[in-house]
């Protein structure tokens, strides 16, 4: 059975000190971790700054259990069956971090958006007209998982396994 393994990067494979800065319409500013931003509901007038995520992850720490799953996926189904799917706009810092930590050759797809539909579109593009029968997703953001589930269900021929990562644990 052909399998596609998808791993989110921030708060799934690594935790870091990278933040989202939000300037609110009333002049106040919020600084949120990527984990906190994942559940933030954008307000009218918010100006979002994701520039921390254009760089090498600050003080990044590997989430060991998920990194182990990444290595298992590569070893069991091959490098071409494994993708890092990130909301970041720039894949280069992610590739560099992976290379620095012994993971070379994995495709990193940066959607450049926090909109869950963008990740779902990528998944749809991979399964459409392919021989993929199972998609395994490791992701911290429940909204992203829900959108990916929608496109998999609509396809009807591909099975989905989701593994949510919360506080560095696979649940």
Protein backbone atom coordinates (compact mmCIF):
# COMPACT_ATOMS: atom_id res chain seq x y z
CA UNK A 1 0.00 0.00 0.00
CA UNK A 2 1.39 3.40 -0.98
CA UNK A 3 1.60 5.72 2.03
CA UNK A 4 2.10 9.48 2.27
CA UNK A 5 3.56 10.66 5.59
CA UNK A 6 2.97 14.35 6.38
CA UNK A 7 4.66 16.16 9.25
CA UNK A 8 4.01 19.71 10.35
CA UNK A 9 7.14 21.50 11.56
CA UNK A 10 6.48 24.07 14.33
CA UNK A 11 5.12 22.54 17.55
CA UNK A 12 5.04 19.12 15.87
CA UNK A 13 8.62 18.21 14.96
CA UNK A 14 10.18 21.03 17.00
CA UNK A 15 9.31 23.54 19.66
CA UNK A 16 10.98 26.94 19.43
CA UNK A 17 10.84 30.50 20.65
CA UNK A 18 9.52 31.82 17.33
CA UNK A 19 6.46 34.03 17.82
CA UNK A 20 3.62 35.67 15.94
CA UNK A 21 3.29 39.40 16.66
CA UNK A 22 -0.23 40.82 16.44
CA UNK A 23 -0.84 44.56 16.32
CA UNK A 24 -4.48 45.15 17.21
CA UNK A 25 -6.70 47.89 15.87
CA UNK A 26 -6.80 49.57 19.32
CA UNK A 27 -3.00 50.01 19.28
CA UNK A 28 -2.16 47.14 21.62
CA UNK A 29 0.24 44.36 20.68
CA UNK A 30 0.14 40.64 21.46
CA UNK A 31 3.04 38.25 21.09
CA UNK A 32 1.93 34.63 20.72
CA UNK A 33 3.84 31.40 20.44
CA UNK A 34 2.93 29.38 17.37
CA UNK A 35 1.08 27.00 19.69
CA UNK A 36 -1.02 29.85 21.15
CA UNK A 37 -1.58 31.33 17.69
CA UNK A 38 -3.01 28.00 16.49
CA UNK A 39 -6.11 28.63 18.62
CA UNK A 40 -6.26 32.42 18.20
CA UNK A 41 -9.30 33.86 16.46
CA UNK A 42 -8.22 36.79 14.31
CA UNK A 43 -10.06 40.02 15.06
CA UNK A 44 -10.99 42.76 12.58
CA UNK A 45 -8.09 45.16 12.15
CA UNK A 46 -5.41 42.73 13.38
CA UNK A 47 -2.06 43.10 11.63
CA UNK A 48 -0.12 39.83 11.78
CA UNK A 49 3.67 39.59 11.68
CA UNK A 50 5.07 36.12 11.01
CA UNK A 51 8.64 37.30 10.31
CA UNK A 52 10.10 35.12 13.11
CA UNK A 53 9.13 32.14 10.96
CA UNK A 54 11.17 33.35 7.98
CA UNK A 55 14.34 32.47 9.88
CA UNK A 56 16.04 29.47 11.45
CA UNK A 57 13.88 28.42 14.43
CA UNK A 58 14.92 30.25 17.62
CA UNK A 59 16.14 27.95 20.40
CA UNK A 60 14.55 24.98 18.67
CA UNK A 61 14.19 21.71 20.52
CA UNK A 62 13.37 18.47 18.75
CA UNK A 63 10.17 16.73 19.84
CA UNK A 64 11.76 13.29 20.10
CA UNK A 65 8.71 11.05 19.66
CA UNK A 66 7.66 12.82 16.47
CA UNK A 67 11.22 12.94 15.12
CA UNK A 68 11.38 9.18 15.72
CA UNK A 69 8.18 8.80 13.67
CA UNK A 70 9.78 10.87 10.89
CA UNK A 71 12.78 8.53 10.75
CA UNK A 72 10.48 5.48 10.83
CA UNK A 73 8.42 6.87 7.93
CA UNK A 74 11.54 7.49 5.85
CA UNK A 75 12.95 4.06 6.63
CA UNK A 76 9.71 2.18 6.00
CA UNK A 77 8.30 3.95 2.93
CA UNK A 78 11.15 6.05 1.58
CA UNK A 79 12.09 9.68 1.42
CA UNK A 80 9.71 10.35 -1.49
CA UNK A 81 6.75 9.27 0.66
CA UNK A 82 7.54 11.79 3.40
CA UNK A 83 6.77 15.52 3.39
CA UNK A 84 7.23 18.35 5.84
CA UNK A 85 4.13 20.52 5.36
CA UNK A 86 4.55 23.88 7.08
CA UNK A 87 2.57 27.09 7.29
CA UNK A 88 5.87 28.96 7.05
CA UNK A 89 6.49 30.97 3.92
CA UNK A 90 10.16 30.06 3.57
CA UNK A 91 11.18 26.39 3.41
CA UNK A 92 14.95 27.07 3.62
CA UNK A 93 15.26 27.44 7.43
CA UNK A 94 13.24 24.24 7.89
CA UNK A 95 15.46 22.36 5.42
CA UNK A 96 18.57 23.70 7.16
CA UNK A 97 17.29 22.66 10.59
CA UNK A 98 16.47 19.17 9.31
CA UNK A 99 19.89 18.86 7.63
CA UNK A 100 21.58 20.00 10.86
CA UNK A 101 19.73 17.22 12.66
CA UNK A 102 20.44 14.34 10.29
CA UNK A 103 17.40 14.51 8.02
CA UNK A 104 18.43 15.14 4.43
CA UNK A 105 16.46 15.01 1.22
CA UNK A 106 12.95 15.31 2.68
CA UNK A 107 10.70 17.58 0.64
CA UNK A 108 9.58 20.67 2.58
CA UNK A 109 6.42 22.32 1.28
CA UNK A 110 5.86 25.80 2.72
CA UNK A 111 2.29 26.97 2.12
CA UNK A 112 2.98 30.51 3.36
CA UNK A 113 -0.35 30.77 5.15
CA UNK A 114 -1.96 29.90 8.46
CA UNK A 115 -5.21 29.11 6.61
CA UNK A 116 -5.86 25.37 7.12
CA UNK A 117 -7.33 25.12 3.62
CA UNK A 118 -3.86 25.70 2.15
CA UNK A 119 -2.48 22.57 3.76
CA UNK A 120 -5.58 20.65 2.71
CA UNK A 121 -5.11 21.81 -0.90
CA UNK A 122 -1.58 20.46 -0.88
CA UNK A 123 -2.76 17.09 0.44
CA UNK A 124 -5.46 16.96 -2.23
CA UNK A 125 -2.88 17.71 -4.93
CA UNK A 126 -0.75 14.80 -3.70
CA UNK A 127 -3.54 12.21 -3.56
CA UNK A 128 -5.38 13.22 -6.72
CA UNK A 129 -4.58 10.83 -9.57
CA UNK A 130 -2.02 8.97 -7.46
CA UNK A 131 -1.71 5.45 -6.10
CA UNK A 132 -1.61 6.70 -2.48
CA UNK A 133 -3.95 4.65 -0.32
CA UNK A 134 -3.08 5.96 3.16
CA UNK A 135 -2.17 9.42 4.43
CA UNK A 136 -0.59 9.68 7.89
CA UNK A 137 -0.58 13.19 9.37
CA UNK A 138 1.37 14.47 12.38
CA UNK A 139 0.09 17.94 13.23
CA UNK A 140 -0.46 20.11 16.32
CA UNK A 141 -3.27 22.25 14.91
CA UNK A 142 -6.74 20.69 15.14
CA UNK A 143 -8.06 23.08 12.46
CA UNK A 144 -5.47 21.78 9.98
CA UNK A 145 -6.38 18.19 10.80
CA UNK A 146 -10.09 18.92 10.24
CA UNK A 147 -9.48 20.49 6.81
CA UNK A 148 -7.22 17.63 5.71
CA UNK A 149 -9.87 15.16 6.90
CA UNK A 150 -12.47 16.92 4.71
CA UNK A 151 -10.44 16.51 1.50
CA UNK A 152 -9.59 12.89 2.31
CA UNK A 153 -13.25 12.05 2.96
CA UNK A 154 -14.31 13.77 -0.25
CA UNK A 155 -11.80 11.64 -2.15
CA UNK A 156 -13.34 8.47 -0.71
CA UNK A 157 -10.53 6.12 -1.77
CA UNK A 158 -7.76 7.14 0.60
CA UNK A 159 -7.57 6.29 4.31
CA UNK A 160 -6.38 8.80 6.88
CA UNK A 161 -4.49 8.37 10.14
CA UNK A 162 -4.10 11.54 12.19
CA UNK A 163 -1.71 11.99 15.08
CA UNK A 164 -2.20 15.23 16.97
CA UNK A 165 0.79 16.59 18.83
CA UNK A 166 -0.04 18.50 22.01
CA UNK A 167 2.63 19.85 24.36
CA UNK A 168 5.23 17.65 22.71
CA UNK A 169 3.19 14.46 23.04
CA UNK A 170 1.50 12.42 20.31
CA UNK A 171 -2.13 11.89 21.31
